[in-house]
Amino acid sequence: MLKSFWTGAACAALIMPAGLALAHVTDPGVIVSGTYGSETQTIRVSVADLDLRRDPAVDVADQRIRNAAERVCDKASARKLYQKLDFARCYEPAISEARGELDSLVSTARAG
């Protein structure tokens, strides 16, 4: 009896990492990329925990995208007018591209 328990535990230990790796691969996430000044940064926003068939979940994903765009475009340091213009030039394309990816994920989730 104890031998079958340990055999089962060993099998579970081997299978579990493969399942976790598969879960990571199946979450394409949304890439938010922005160029602020001369620097380009990219953040991958996970949506694995969201049911994109539901509007409230899409709203959460959109908020995550906006937060990531603020980080990659360095909103915190945009204090002077020219920096605010650089921020706007970074933020709008970053949001637009990421929302395009999100729209594709939402369409796929709602299709089936």
N, C-alpha and C. Protein backbone atom coordinates (compact mmCIF):
# COMPACT_ATOMS: atom_id res chain seq x y z
N MET A 1 0.82 -1.19 0.00
CA MET A 1 0.00 0.00 0.00
C MET A 1 0.87 1.25 0.00
N LEU A 2 1.88 1.28 0.87
CA LEU A 2 2.76 2.43 0.96
C LEU A 2 3.58 2.60 -0.32
N LYS A 3 3.93 1.46 -0.93
CA LYS A 3 4.71 1.52 -2.17
C LYS A 3 3.90 2.19 -3.28
N SER A 4 2.61 1.89 -3.39
CA SER A 4 1.79 2.51 -4.43
C SER A 4 1.59 4.00 -4.16
N PHE A 5 1.55 4.38 -2.88
CA PHE A 5 1.46 5.81 -2.53
C PHE A 5 2.68 6.56 -3.04
N TRP A 6 3.87 6.01 -2.77
CA TRP A 6 5.10 6.68 -3.19
C TRP A 6 5.25 6.68 -4.70
N THR A 7 4.79 5.64 -5.35
CA THR A 7 4.82 5.60 -6.81
C THR A 7 3.92 6.69 -7.38
N GLY A 8 2.74 6.84 -6.81
CA GLY A 8 1.81 7.89 -7.25
C GLY A 8 2.38 9.27 -7.00
N ALA A 9 2.99 9.46 -5.84
CA ALA A 9 3.58 10.76 -5.50
C ALA A 9 4.71 11.10 -6.46
N ALA A 10 5.52 10.10 -6.80
CA ALA A 10 6.63 10.33 -7.73
C ALA A 10 6.10 10.69 -9.12
N CYS A 11 5.06 10.02 -9.56
CA CYS A 11 4.47 10.34 -10.87
C CYS A 11 3.90 11.76 -10.87
N ALA A 12 3.23 12.12 -9.79
CA ALA A 12 2.66 13.47 -9.69
C ALA A 12 3.77 14.52 -9.72
N ALA A 13 4.87 14.24 -9.06
CA ALA A 13 5.99 15.19 -9.03
C ALA A 13 6.58 15.37 -10.42
N LEU A 14 6.56 14.32 -11.23
CA LEU A 14 7.08 14.43 -12.59
C LEU A 14 6.11 15.14 -13.52
N ILE A 15 4.83 14.91 -13.33
CA ILE A 15 3.81 15.48 -14.21
C ILE A 15 3.54 16.94 -13.90
N MET A 16 3.55 17.33 -12.64
CA MET A 16 3.18 18.68 -12.24
C MET A 16 4.01 19.77 -12.92
N PRO A 17 5.34 19.68 -12.96
CA PRO A 17 6.09 20.75 -13.64
C PRO A 17 5.72 20.87 -15.12
N ALA A 18 5.42 19.75 -15.76
CA ALA A 18 5.01 19.81 -17.17
C ALA A 18 3.70 20.55 -17.30
N GLY A 19 2.78 20.34 -16.38
CA GLY A 19 1.50 21.05 -16.40
C GLY A 19 1.69 22.53 -16.17
N LEU A 20 2.57 22.88 -15.24
CA LEU A 20 2.83 24.30 -14.98
C LEU A 20 3.47 24.96 -16.19
N ALA A 21 4.38 24.26 -16.83
CA ALA A 21 5.02 24.82 -18.02
C ALA A 21 4.00 25.01 -19.13
N LEU A 22 3.08 24.06 -19.29
CA LEU A 22 2.04 24.17 -20.30
C LEU A 22 1.14 25.35 -20.01
N ALA A 23 0.79 25.55 -18.74
CA ALA A 23 -0.05 26.69 -18.37
C ALA A 23 0.65 28.00 -18.73
N HIS A 24 1.95 28.06 -18.54
CA HIS A 24 2.69 29.28 -18.87
C HIS A 24 2.70 29.52 -20.38
N VAL A 25 2.82 28.46 -21.15
CA VAL A 25 2.86 28.58 -22.61
C VAL A 25 1.50 29.00 -23.14
N THR A 26 0.41 28.53 -22.52
CA THR A 26 -0.92 28.84 -23.02
C THR A 26 -1.37 30.24 -22.65
N ASP A 27 -0.64 30.97 -21.83
CA ASP A 27 -0.97 32.36 -21.52
C ASP A 27 -0.11 33.26 -22.39
N PRO A 28 -0.65 33.66 -23.55
CA PRO A 28 0.16 34.49 -24.42
C PRO A 28 0.42 35.87 -23.82
N GLY A 29 -0.48 36.32 -22.97
CA GLY A 29 -0.31 37.64 -22.40
C GLY A 29 -0.41 38.71 -23.47
N VAL A 30 -0.18 39.92 -23.05
CA VAL A 30 -0.20 41.07 -23.95
C VAL A 30 1.12 41.80 -23.77
N ILE A 31 1.77 42.10 -24.86
CA ILE A 31 3.05 42.81 -24.81
C ILE A 31 2.79 44.31 -24.90
N VAL A 32 3.31 45.04 -23.92
CA VAL A 32 3.24 46.50 -23.92
C VAL A 32 4.66 47.00 -24.12
N SER A 33 4.88 47.70 -25.22
CA SER A 33 6.21 48.17 -25.56
C SER A 33 6.14 49.65 -25.89
N GLY A 34 7.07 50.41 -25.31
CA GLY A 34 7.06 51.85 -25.56
C GLY A 34 8.46 52.41 -25.62
N THR A 35 8.61 53.45 -26.44
CA THR A 35 9.88 54.15 -26.55
C THR A 35 9.72 55.53 -25.95
N TYR A 36 10.49 55.78 -24.89
CA TYR A 36 10.46 57.07 -24.20
C TYR A 36 11.86 57.64 -24.27
N GLY A 37 11.98 58.77 -24.94
CA GLY A 37 13.32 59.31 -25.18
C GLY A 37 14.03 58.39 -26.15
N SER A 38 15.17 57.90 -25.76
CA SER A 38 15.92 56.98 -26.63
C SER A 38 15.84 55.54 -26.13
N GLU A 39 15.03 55.30 -25.12
CA GLU A 39 14.96 53.98 -24.50
C GLU A 39 13.65 53.27 -24.83
N THR A 40 13.74 52.01 -25.23
CA THR A 40 12.56 51.19 -25.47
C THR A 40 12.48 50.13 -24.38
N GLN A 41 11.30 50.03 -23.77
CA GLN A 41 11.09 49.02 -22.74
C GLN A 41 9.85 48.21 -23.10
N THR A 42 9.83 46.98 -22.62
CA THR A 42 8.72 46.08 -22.89
C THR A 42 8.32 45.38 -21.60
N ILE A 43 7.01 45.26 -21.41
CA ILE A 43 6.45 44.52 -20.28
C ILE A 43 5.42 43.55 -20.83
N ARG A 44 5.44 42.33 -20.36
CA ARG A 44 4.43 41.34 -20.71
C ARG A 44 3.37 41.35 -19.62
N VAL A 45 2.13 41.61 -20.01
CA VAL A 45 1.01 41.66 -19.07
C VAL A 45 0.26 40.34 -19.14
N SER A 46 0.19 39.63 -18.03
CA SER A 46 -0.50 38.35 -18.00
C SER A 46 -2.01 38.56 -17.93
N VAL A 47 -2.72 37.72 -18.67
CA VAL A 47 -4.18 37.70 -18.59
C VAL A 47 -4.67 36.28 -18.28
N ALA A 48 -3.75 35.43 -17.83
CA ALA A 48 -4.07 34.02 -17.58
C ALA A 48 -5.16 33.85 -16.54
N ASP A 49 -5.23 34.76 -15.59
CA ASP A 49 -6.20 34.63 -14.51
C ASP A 49 -7.55 35.26 -14.85
N LEU A 50 -7.70 35.76 -16.07
CA LEU A 50 -8.93 36.47 -16.45
C LEU A 50 -9.75 35.67 -17.44
N ASP A 51 -11.07 35.70 -17.27
CA ASP A 51 -11.99 35.09 -18.23
C ASP A 51 -12.36 36.17 -19.24
N LEU A 52 -11.66 36.20 -20.34
CA LEU A 52 -11.82 37.27 -21.32
C LEU A 52 -13.14 37.21 -22.08
N ARG A 53 -13.98 36.24 -21.75
CA ARG A 53 -15.33 36.21 -22.32
C ARG A 53 -16.23 37.21 -21.61
N ARG A 54 -15.79 37.70 -20.47
CA ARG A 54 -16.59 38.61 -19.63
C ARG A 54 -16.03 40.03 -19.70
N ASP A 55 -16.94 40.99 -19.86
CA ASP A 55 -16.52 42.40 -19.96
C ASP A 55 -15.75 42.90 -18.74
N PRO A 56 -16.15 42.56 -17.50
CA PRO A 56 -15.36 43.06 -16.36
C PRO A 56 -13.90 42.57 -16.39
N ALA A 57 -13.68 41.36 -16.87
CA ALA A 57 -12.31 40.84 -16.96
C ALA A 57 -11.52 41.60 -18.03
N VAL A 58 -12.19 41.95 -19.12
CA VAL A 58 -11.53 42.73 -20.17
C VAL A 58 -11.16 44.11 -19.64
N ASP A 59 -12.04 44.68 -18.80
CA ASP A 59 -11.73 45.98 -18.17
C ASP A 59 -10.49 45.88 -17.28
N VAL A 60 -10.37 44.77 -16.55
CA VAL A 60 -9.19 44.56 -15.69
C VAL A 60 -7.94 44.45 -16.56
N ALA A 61 -8.03 43.70 -17.65
CA ALA A 61 -6.89 43.56 -18.57
C ALA A 61 -6.50 44.92 -19.14
N ASP A 62 -7.49 45.72 -19.49
CA ASP A 62 -7.21 47.05 -20.04
C ASP A 62 -6.51 47.94 -19.02
N GLN A 63 -6.93 47.85 -17.76
CA GLN A 63 -6.27 48.63 -16.71
C GLN A 63 -4.82 48.18 -16.53
N ARG A 64 -4.59 46.88 -16.60
CA ARG A 64 -3.22 46.37 -16.50
C ARG A 64 -2.36 46.90 -17.65
N ILE A 65 -2.94 46.97 -18.83
CA ILE A 65 -2.22 47.50 -19.99
C ILE A 65 -1.87 48.96 -19.77
N ARG A 66 -2.84 49.75 -19.29
CA ARG A 66 -2.57 51.18 -19.04
C ARG A 66 -1.48 51.35 -17.99
N ASN A 67 -1.53 50.54 -16.93
CA ASN A 67 -0.49 50.62 -15.89
C ASN A 67 0.88 50.27 -16.46
N ALA A 68 0.93 49.24 -17.28
CA ALA A 68 2.20 48.83 -17.88
C ALA A 68 2.71 49.92 -18.83
N ALA A 69 1.82 50.54 -19.58
CA ALA A 69 2.23 51.60 -20.50
C ALA A 69 2.79 52.79 -19.73
N GLU A 70 2.19 53.10 -18.59
CA GLU A 70 2.72 54.19 -17.76
C GLU A 70 4.13 53.86 -17.27
N ARG A 71 4.37 52.59 -16.97
CA ARG A 71 5.72 52.19 -16.51
C ARG A 71 6.74 52.24 -17.64
N VAL A 72 6.39 51.65 -18.80
CA VAL A 72 7.38 51.63 -19.89
C VAL A 72 7.63 53.02 -20.46
N CYS A 73 6.64 53.88 -20.36
CA CYS A 73 6.81 55.25 -20.88
C CYS A 73 7.28 56.21 -19.80
N ASP A 74 7.51 55.72 -18.60
CA ASP A 74 8.12 56.48 -17.51
C ASP A 74 7.34 57.74 -17.16
N LYS A 75 6.05 57.55 -16.87
CA LYS A 75 5.19 58.68 -16.51
C LYS A 75 5.72 59.43 -15.29
N ALA A 76 6.30 58.71 -14.36
CA ALA A 76 6.75 59.32 -13.10
C ALA A 76 7.78 60.42 -13.32
N SER A 77 8.59 60.31 -14.37
CA SER A 77 9.64 61.31 -14.57
C SER A 77 9.22 62.42 -15.55
N ALA A 78 8.02 62.34 -16.09
CA ALA A 78 7.55 63.34 -17.05
C ALA A 78 7.03 64.57 -16.31
N ARG A 79 7.93 65.46 -15.94
CA ARG A 79 7.57 66.64 -15.17
C ARG A 79 7.52 67.91 -16.03
N LYS A 80 8.42 68.03 -16.97
CA LYS A 80 8.47 69.22 -17.82
C LYS A 80 7.63 68.99 -19.08
N LEU A 81 7.29 70.08 -19.74
CA LEU A 81 6.41 69.99 -20.91
C LEU A 81 6.97 69.06 -21.98
N TYR A 82 8.25 69.20 -22.32
CA TYR A 82 8.80 68.33 -23.36
C TYR A 82 8.79 66.87 -22.93
N GLN A 83 8.94 66.61 -21.62
CA GLN A 83 8.87 65.23 -21.14
C GLN A 83 7.44 64.71 -21.23
N LYS A 84 6.47 65.57 -20.97
CA LYS A 84 5.07 65.16 -21.10
C LYS A 84 4.74 64.83 -22.55
N LEU A 85 5.32 65.59 -23.48
CA LEU A 85 5.11 65.30 -24.90
C LEU A 85 5.75 63.97 -25.28
N ASP A 86 6.96 63.71 -24.77
CA ASP A 86 7.61 62.42 -25.00
C ASP A 86 6.77 61.29 -24.43
N PHE A 87 6.20 61.52 -23.24
CA PHE A 87 5.35 60.50 -22.63
C PHE A 87 4.16 60.21 -23.52
N ALA A 88 3.49 61.25 -24.01
CA ALA A 88 2.32 61.06 -24.86
C ALA A 88 2.69 60.33 -26.15
N ARG A 89 3.85 60.65 -26.73
CA ARG A 89 4.30 59.98 -27.95
C ARG A 89 4.60 58.51 -27.71
N CYS A 90 4.94 58.17 -26.50
CA CYS A 90 5.23 56.78 -26.13
C CYS A 90 3.94 56.04 -25.76
N TYR A 91 3.13 56.69 -24.93
CA TYR A 91 1.96 56.05 -24.31
C TYR A 91 0.90 55.64 -25.33
N GLU A 92 0.54 56.55 -26.21
CA GLU A 92 -0.55 56.27 -27.16
C GLU A 92 -0.25 55.07 -28.06
N PRO A 93 0.92 55.00 -28.70
CA PRO A 93 1.21 53.80 -29.51
C PRO A 93 1.32 52.52 -28.68
N ALA A 94 1.86 52.64 -27.47
CA ALA A 94 1.99 51.46 -26.60
C ALA A 94 0.61 50.91 -26.28
N ILE A 95 -0.32 51.80 -25.92
CA ILE A 95 -1.69 51.39 -25.61
C ILE A 95 -2.37 50.81 -26.84
N SER A 96 -2.24 51.47 -27.96
CA SER A 96 -2.90 51.05 -29.19
C SER A 96 -2.47 49.64 -29.61
N GLU A 97 -1.17 49.39 -29.61
CA GLU A 97 -0.67 48.07 -30.01
C GLU A 97 -1.12 46.99 -29.03
N ALA A 98 -1.03 47.29 -27.74
CA ALA A 98 -1.42 46.30 -26.72
C ALA A 98 -2.91 46.01 -26.77
N ARG A 99 -3.71 47.04 -27.00
CA ARG A 99 -5.16 46.83 -27.10
C ARG A 99 -5.51 45.99 -28.32
N GLY A 100 -4.74 46.15 -29.39
CA GLY A 100 -4.95 45.30 -30.56
C GLY A 100 -4.72 43.83 -30.22
N GLU A 101 -3.66 43.55 -29.46
CA GLU A 101 -3.39 42.18 -29.02
C GLU A 101 -4.51 41.68 -28.10
N LEU A 102 -4.95 42.55 -27.18
CA LEU A 102 -6.02 42.17 -26.26
C LEU A 102 -7.30 41.88 -27.03
N ASP A 103 -7.64 42.70 -28.01
CA ASP A 103 -8.84 42.47 -28.82
C ASP A 103 -8.79 41.10 -29.49
N SER A 104 -7.62 40.73 -29.98
CA SER A 104 -7.46 39.42 -30.61
C SER A 104 -7.68 38.29 -29.61
N LEU A 105 -7.13 38.44 -28.40
CA LEU A 105 -7.33 37.42 -27.36
C LEU A 105 -8.79 37.33 -26.95
N VAL A 106 -9.46 38.47 -26.84
CA VAL A 106 -10.88 38.49 -26.47
C VAL A 106 -11.71 37.80 -27.55
N SER A 107 -11.44 38.10 -28.81
CA SER A 107 -12.17 37.47 -29.91
C SER A 107 -12.00 35.96 -29.89
N THR A 108 -10.77 35.52 -29.66
CA THR A 108 -10.50 34.08 -29.59
C THR A 108 -11.25 33.44 -28.42
N ALA A 109 -11.22 34.09 -27.26
CA ALA A 109 -11.88 33.55 -26.06
C ALA A 109 -13.39 33.48 -26.26
N ARG A 110 -13.96 34.47 -26.91
CA ARG A 110 -15.41 34.52 -27.08
C ARG A 110 -15.90 33.65 -28.23
N ALA A 111 -14.99 33.28 -29.12
CA ALA A 111 -15.37 32.44 -30.26
C ALA A 111 -15.52 30.97 -29.86
N GLY A 112 -14.88 30.61 -28.80
CA GLY A 112 -15.04 29.20 -28.51
C GLY A 112 -14.32 28.73 -27.36
